[in-house]
Amino acid sequence: MTETAGPDRVRSAEQIGLSAREAAAAPPPHTGRDAAGNGPPRNAAEAAGPRNAAEAAGPRNAANWARKVERLEVNPRDGVRGTNVARRRLTGPVQGFGKMWQKSYRMKAGPGIEPEQAIATWKEHFPEFWPKGSRFAGALTGISPGDVALLDLAIGGGVKLSTGVFVLYADAESFTLMTPQGHMFAGWITFSAEREAGQANSRAVVQALVLMRANDPLYEIGMTFGGHRKEDKFWVATLTALGERLGIQHPVVETKTTCVDSKRQWRHASNIWHNSMIRSVLQTLTFRRNKKPS
């Protein structure tokens, strides 16, 4: 894994609810566009969030963006608790507390694998690629714009952190998830596949790109003391499982981490009120106490 420091200052830019540093963050993974200019967000400002996604995308690819939502609505799903998601607002890096990081996890696919094939496989089998002990319960229709998926993530001691993600964007070569209040981090995760640029007989490159801040002070402490390593291990395992499904004999995942903004946003320290880890622990203890025979 390589780690580099982000810029201390950036020039002002036209922003969509983001600071200058966040607007200058390196682009999410899939930068290729079709002749009409369609495609997923190319930088942080373009991926501003559901409140103005349609304006950012324009009419040509509006169907690939989720419609505006104020608060998340979810239906129960088998196999997950589904708590700490309903009625929560979405959060991008501008609403987070901790340092802002951009992380990329890249893997070269086989020579005969098309980008669309890789993404179609990733969408169809997304829950199957998650490491053991964690569950992803998406909508019955798969990964489509506006879907809300529920997550149970193993955090030890028989406790699972219950949270979710929102599908902000999805097309044939990429899809982007956004986090709700209380999630471990506030940000976006974009999954994409595209051909290596400027190379003959190039292979498709599959990538997960995360732009995030820890959501509150407690999560920031956790990320500082082992959380980042655990997150890296999680996504490396996920891409490795995808590579094996695509027929790659020895998948190799390259990881790169960049600190985009080293400052913590103390005005958002109150995000801890929605902390899904605290709430999940309390919910587990309450459930166990209620199960005990009287």
Protein backbone atom coordinates (compact mmCIF):
# COMPACT_ATOMS: atom_id res chain seq x y z
CA MET A 1 0.00 0.00 0.00
CA THR A 2 1.28 3.48 -0.79
CA GLU A 3 0.22 6.60 1.03
CA THR A 4 0.67 10.18 -0.12
CA ALA A 5 -0.34 13.50 1.32
CA GLY A 6 -2.94 15.62 -0.41
CA PRO A 7 -2.61 19.32 -1.23
CA ASP A 8 -2.65 21.86 1.60
CA ARG A 9 -4.28 24.46 -0.64
CA VAL A 10 -6.21 24.31 -3.86
CA ARG A 11 -7.63 26.94 -6.12
CA SER A 12 -11.26 27.84 -5.69
CA ALA A 13 -13.63 26.00 -8.04
CA GLU A 14 -17.30 25.95 -8.82
CA GLN A 15 -18.62 23.72 -6.06
CA ILE A 16 -21.76 21.79 -5.33
CA GLY A 17 -21.87 21.88 -1.55
CA LEU A 18 -18.19 20.97 -1.18
CA SER A 19 -15.09 22.65 0.16
CA ALA A 20 -12.29 23.53 -2.26
CA ARG A 21 -10.18 20.60 -1.09
CA GLU A 22 -13.02 18.19 -1.64
CA ALA A 23 -13.79 19.64 -5.05
CA ALA A 24 -10.13 19.12 -6.02
CA ALA A 25 -10.02 15.48 -4.96
CA ALA A 26 -8.70 13.09 -7.59
CA PRO A 27 -11.38 11.65 -9.89
CA PRO A 28 -13.33 8.50 -9.09
CA PRO A 29 -12.30 5.45 -11.07
CA HIS A 30 -14.19 5.39 -14.33
CA THR A 31 -13.26 8.49 -16.34
CA GLY A 32 -14.20 7.14 -19.74
CA ARG A 33 -17.33 8.65 -21.28
CA ASP A 34 -19.29 7.80 -24.35
CA ALA A 35 -19.70 10.16 -27.30
CA ALA A 36 -22.66 11.87 -25.63
CA GLY A 37 -20.65 12.56 -22.48
CA ASN A 38 -22.49 10.00 -20.37
CA GLY A 39 -20.78 8.33 -17.43
CA PRO A 40 -20.30 8.37 -13.67
CA PRO A 41 -18.85 11.29 -11.68
CA ARG A 42 -15.34 12.32 -12.72
CA ASN A 43 -14.50 14.25 -9.54
CA ALA A 44 -15.82 14.96 -6.07
CA ALA A 45 -17.81 18.05 -7.05
CA GLU A 46 -19.53 16.16 -9.86
CA ALA A 47 -20.58 13.43 -7.43
CA ALA A 48 -22.15 15.92 -5.04
CA GLY A 49 -25.03 13.74 -3.93
CA PRO A 50 -28.70 12.97 -4.45
CA ARG A 51 -29.87 16.47 -3.64
CA ASN A 52 -28.59 17.72 -6.99
CA ALA A 53 -27.45 14.64 -8.88
CA ALA A 54 -29.86 15.23 -11.74
CA GLU A 55 -28.50 18.73 -12.26
CA ALA A 56 -24.91 17.48 -12.18
CA ALA A 57 -25.60 14.63 -14.59
CA GLY A 58 -27.72 16.51 -17.11
CA PRO A 59 -30.59 15.03 -19.11
CA ARG A 60 -28.53 12.63 -21.23
CA ASN A 61 -27.75 10.16 -18.44
CA ALA A 62 -30.31 11.18 -15.84
CA ALA A 63 -31.65 7.61 -15.73
CA ASN A 64 -28.31 6.44 -14.33
CA TRP A 65 -28.59 8.75 -11.32
CA ALA A 66 -30.76 8.23 -8.26
CA ARG A 67 -33.63 10.63 -7.77
CA LYS A 68 -33.45 13.18 -4.99
CA VAL A 69 -34.16 11.77 -1.52
CA GLU A 70 -34.45 13.56 1.81
CA ARG A 71 -34.40 10.47 4.02
CA LEU A 72 -33.94 6.79 3.30
CA GLU A 73 -36.88 4.39 3.22
CA VAL A 74 -36.23 0.65 3.49
CA ASN A 75 -38.14 -2.61 3.51
CA PRO A 76 -37.16 -5.56 5.74
CA ARG A 77 -34.72 -8.03 4.16
CA ASP A 78 -34.07 -11.65 5.10
CA GLY A 79 -30.77 -12.30 6.85
CA VAL A 80 -30.05 -8.77 8.12
CA ARG A 81 -31.50 -6.72 10.95
CA GLY A 82 -31.94 -3.58 8.87
CA THR A 83 -31.66 -1.17 11.80
CA ASN A 84 -30.00 2.28 11.76
CA VAL A 85 -30.95 3.03 8.14
CA ALA A 86 -34.61 4.06 7.87
CA ARG A 87 -35.21 7.82 8.01
CA ARG A 88 -31.48 8.57 7.92
CA ARG A 89 -30.07 11.28 5.66
CA LEU A 90 -27.26 10.62 3.20
CA THR A 91 -23.75 11.86 4.00
CA GLY A 92 -20.89 12.76 1.67
CA PRO A 93 -17.36 13.72 2.74
CA VAL A 94 -18.43 17.32 3.38
CA GLN A 95 -20.71 16.09 6.20
CA GLY A 96 -18.06 13.85 7.81
CA PHE A 97 -15.82 14.53 10.80
CA GLY A 98 -12.36 13.01 10.28
CA LYS A 99 -9.52 13.49 7.85
CA MET A 100 -10.56 13.01 4.23
CA TRP A 101 -9.05 10.06 2.41
CA GLN A 102 -9.13 8.74 -1.11
CA LYS A 103 -8.42 5.02 -1.40
CA SER A 104 -8.17 2.97 -4.56
CA TYR A 105 -8.09 -0.80 -4.94
CA ARG A 106 -7.18 -1.87 -8.50
CA MET A 107 -6.96 -5.28 -10.14
CA LYS A 108 -6.11 -6.25 -13.72
CA ALA A 109 -8.64 -8.65 -15.18
CA GLY A 110 -8.00 -11.37 -17.73
CA PRO A 111 -7.26 -10.44 -21.38
CA GLY A 112 -10.61 -11.75 -22.60
CA ILE A 113 -12.74 -9.94 -20.03
CA GLU A 114 -14.69 -6.89 -21.14
CA PRO A 115 -15.36 -4.04 -18.67
CA GLU A 116 -19.11 -4.51 -19.03
CA GLN A 117 -18.73 -8.22 -18.25
CA ALA A 118 -16.73 -7.49 -15.10
CA ILE A 119 -19.27 -4.95 -13.80
CA ALA A 120 -22.24 -7.18 -14.68
CA THR A 121 -20.67 -10.01 -12.69
CA TRP A 122 -19.88 -7.65 -9.80
CA LYS A 123 -23.46 -6.35 -9.67
CA GLU A 124 -25.08 -9.76 -9.97
CA HIS A 125 -22.96 -11.44 -7.30
CA PHE A 126 -22.01 -8.43 -5.15
CA PRO A 127 -23.07 -9.98 -1.78
CA GLU A 128 -21.14 -13.18 -2.52
CA PHE A 129 -17.81 -11.36 -2.73
CA TRP A 130 -17.99 -9.93 0.77
CA PRO A 131 -15.65 -11.46 3.37
CA LYS A 132 -17.05 -14.08 5.70
CA GLY A 133 -19.04 -12.74 8.64
CA SER A 134 -20.49 -9.72 6.83
CA ARG A 135 -23.78 -9.59 4.93
CA PHE A 136 -25.03 -7.33 2.14
CA ALA A 137 -28.77 -7.42 1.39
CA GLY A 138 -29.65 -5.40 -1.69
CA ALA A 139 -32.93 -4.87 -3.46
CA LEU A 140 -34.51 -7.78 -5.32
CA THR A 141 -33.89 -5.97 -8.61
CA GLY A 142 -30.12 -5.88 -8.06
CA ILE A 143 -27.97 -2.76 -7.97
CA SER A 144 -29.94 0.06 -9.58
CA PRO A 145 -30.03 3.84 -8.96
CA GLY A 146 -32.03 4.67 -5.86
CA ASP A 147 -31.76 1.21 -4.28
CA VAL A 148 -31.01 0.94 -0.56
CA ALA A 149 -28.93 -2.05 0.60
CA LEU A 150 -28.75 -3.18 4.22
CA LEU A 151 -25.46 -4.28 5.80
CA ASP A 152 -24.51 -6.35 8.83
CA LEU A 153 -20.75 -6.08 9.42
CA ALA A 154 -18.97 -8.28 11.97
CA ILE A 155 -17.14 -6.15 14.56
CA GLY A 156 -16.30 -8.84 17.14
CA GLY A 157 -17.81 -10.16 20.34
CA GLY A 158 -20.78 -11.59 18.50
CA VAL A 159 -21.89 -8.06 17.57
CA LYS A 160 -22.68 -6.99 14.01
CA LEU A 161 -22.76 -3.33 13.03
CA SER A 162 -26.08 -2.73 11.29
CA THR A 163 -26.08 -0.01 8.62
CA GLY A 164 -26.65 0.39 4.87
CA VAL A 165 -25.71 2.11 1.61
CA PHE A 166 -27.58 3.97 -1.13
CA VAL A 167 -27.01 3.39 -4.87
CA LEU A 168 -26.26 6.88 -6.17
CA TYR A 169 -25.27 5.97 -9.76
CA ALA A 170 -25.19 2.84 -11.93
CA ASP A 171 -24.46 2.12 -15.59
CA ALA A 172 -22.88 -0.69 -17.62
CA GLU A 173 -19.31 0.08 -16.54
CA SER A 174 -19.63 1.50 -13.02
CA PHE A 175 -21.80 2.03 -9.96
CA THR A 176 -21.47 4.32 -6.95
CA LEU A 177 -22.69 3.77 -3.39
CA MET A 178 -23.26 6.56 -0.83
CA THR A 179 -23.41 6.22 2.96
CA PRO A 180 -26.13 7.30 5.43
CA GLN A 181 -25.84 8.99 8.82
CA GLY A 182 -24.26 6.70 11.40
CA HIS A 183 -22.17 4.72 8.90
CA MET A 184 -18.48 4.26 9.71
CA PHE A 185 -17.60 6.92 7.18
CA ALA A 186 -19.31 9.65 5.20
CA GLY A 187 -18.55 9.33 1.52
CA TRP A 188 -18.83 7.48 -1.79
CA ILE A 189 -17.54 4.16 -3.09
CA THR A 190 -17.34 3.85 -6.87
CA PHE A 191 -16.83 0.45 -8.51
CA SER A 192 -15.73 0.50 -12.14
CA ALA A 193 -14.02 -1.32 -14.96
CA GLU A 194 -12.29 0.11 -18.03
CA ARG A 195 -9.50 -0.64 -20.48
CA GLU A 196 -5.97 0.49 -19.69
CA ALA A 197 -5.32 3.67 -21.61
CA GLY A 198 -2.70 3.86 -24.35
CA GLN A 199 -1.81 0.17 -24.50
CA ALA A 200 -2.31 -2.28 -27.34
CA ASN A 201 -4.24 -5.41 -26.35
CA SER A 202 -4.86 -3.78 -23.00
CA ARG A 203 -6.60 -5.58 -20.18
CA ALA A 204 -9.62 -4.38 -18.32
CA VAL A 205 -8.82 -2.81 -14.95
CA VAL A 206 -11.35 -3.31 -12.17
CA GLN A 207 -11.33 -0.77 -9.36
CA ALA A 208 -13.03 0.27 -6.14
CA LEU A 209 -12.45 3.91 -5.22
CA VAL A 210 -13.43 5.33 -1.83
CA LEU A 211 -13.64 9.04 -1.01
CA MET A 212 -14.44 9.34 2.69
CA ARG A 213 -14.15 10.89 6.13
CA ALA A 214 -14.82 9.04 9.38
CA ASN A 215 -18.35 10.07 10.36
CA ASP A 216 -17.65 11.08 13.98
CA PRO A 217 -14.83 11.28 16.58
CA LEU A 218 -15.31 7.69 17.78
CA TYR A 219 -15.07 6.31 14.26
CA GLU A 220 -12.02 8.53 13.64
CA ILE A 221 -10.26 6.95 16.62
CA GLY A 222 -11.18 3.52 15.34
CA MET A 223 -9.93 4.29 11.83
CA THR A 224 -6.65 5.64 13.22
CA PHE A 225 -5.99 2.58 15.37
CA GLY A 226 -6.48 -0.26 12.94
CA GLY A 227 -9.66 0.70 11.10
CA HIS A 228 -7.90 1.74 7.90
CA ARG A 229 -5.96 -1.56 7.79
CA LYS A 230 -9.16 -3.51 8.36
CA GLU A 231 -10.96 -1.59 5.61
CA ASP A 232 -8.07 -2.20 3.18
CA LYS A 233 -8.15 -5.90 3.99
CA PHE A 234 -11.91 -5.96 3.42
CA TRP A 235 -11.79 -4.46 -0.07
CA VAL A 236 -8.71 -6.46 -1.11
CA ALA A 237 -10.57 -9.63 -0.15
CA THR A 238 -13.65 -8.45 -2.07
CA LEU A 239 -11.74 -7.73 -5.28
CA THR A 240 -9.80 -10.99 -4.93
CA ALA A 241 -13.09 -12.91 -4.74
CA LEU A 242 -14.34 -11.05 -7.82
CA GLY A 243 -11.14 -11.88 -9.68
CA GLU A 244 -11.50 -15.56 -8.88
CA ARG A 245 -15.09 -15.50 -10.15
CA LEU A 246 -13.86 -13.89 -13.38
CA GLY A 247 -11.37 -16.73 -13.82
CA ILE A 248 -8.17 -14.94 -12.82
CA GLN A 249 -5.81 -17.57 -11.40
CA HIS A 250 -3.83 -15.31 -9.06
CA PRO A 251 -5.63 -11.98 -8.57
CA VAL A 252 -3.37 -9.13 -7.47
CA VAL A 253 -4.95 -6.04 -5.90
CA GLU A 254 -2.97 -2.79 -5.78
CA THR A 255 -3.88 -0.39 -2.97
CA LYS A 256 -3.20 3.34 -2.86
CA THR A 257 -4.19 5.75 -0.09
CA THR A 258 -4.07 9.55 -0.30
CA CYS A 259 -4.88 12.00 2.48
CA VAL A 260 -6.83 14.72 0.66
CA ASP A 261 -7.51 16.87 3.73
CA SER A 262 -5.67 16.40 7.05
CA LYS A 263 -8.04 18.61 9.04
CA ARG A 264 -10.86 17.28 11.19
CA GLN A 265 -14.24 19.00 10.98
CA TRP A 266 -15.14 19.57 14.63
CA ARG A 267 -18.42 21.20 13.66
CA HIS A 268 -19.60 17.69 12.77
CA ALA A 269 -18.53 16.03 16.04
CA SER A 270 -22.23 15.75 16.95
CA ASN A 271 -22.55 13.06 14.24
CA ILE A 272 -21.79 10.65 17.06
CA TRP A 273 -25.49 10.80 18.00
CA HIS A 274 -26.25 8.61 14.96
CA ASN A 275 -23.25 6.27 15.45
CA SER A 276 -24.47 2.88 14.18
CA MET A 277 -21.76 0.96 16.05
CA ILE A 278 -22.93 2.29 19.44
CA ARG A 279 -26.55 1.71 18.51
CA SER A 280 -25.83 -1.80 17.21
CA VAL A 281 -24.09 -2.76 20.47
CA LEU A 282 -27.02 -1.44 22.52
CA GLN A 283 -29.51 -3.20 20.24
CA THR A 284 -27.61 -6.49 20.61
CA LEU A 285 -27.48 -6.21 24.40
CA THR A 286 -31.19 -5.42 24.54
CA PHE A 287 -32.00 -8.37 22.28
CA ARG A 288 -29.93 -10.77 24.41
CA ARG A 289 -31.48 -9.51 27.64
CA ASN A 290 -34.97 -9.97 26.24
CA LYS A 291 -34.15 -13.53 25.13
CA LYS A 292 -33.14 -14.64 28.62
CA PRO A 293 -35.80 -16.77 30.33
CA SER A 294 -37.58 -14.96 33.13
